[in-house]
Amino acid sequence: MTSTASNGTDFQDPSYNPDNLLNTLIQKLAIKNDAALSRALEVAPPVISKIRHRRLPVGASLLIRMHEVADLSIAELRALMGDRRSKYRVSGVRIPSVRS
């Protein structure tokens, strides 16, 4: 059994490293630890712990909050955690494009 999140993130993929993302945010925000990071991001401390232990993926809303707080682009944040996909889809459902 593999550990894959509903958004397609493979927790066993060696390139996926949320620790790098979280540590970079801690350094950029000049804070001391995960508890301070959870306060800065306005999430419960267990959320940061679950991300660090690869039990929870970094969701879109948290990624946006990280962008707002740290002033890093979404692409930079995704690169920090090892997400190298060219497109990021929340679900597997394709939405047809609208043609003018």
Foldseek 3Di string as FASTA:
>chain_A
DFDADQQGDGLPPPLQAVVQLVVVLCVLLVHDDLCVVCVLLVHDSVVSVCCNVVNDPCDPVSLVSSCVRRVDDSVVSCVRRRNPDPDGDRHPDDDDDDDD
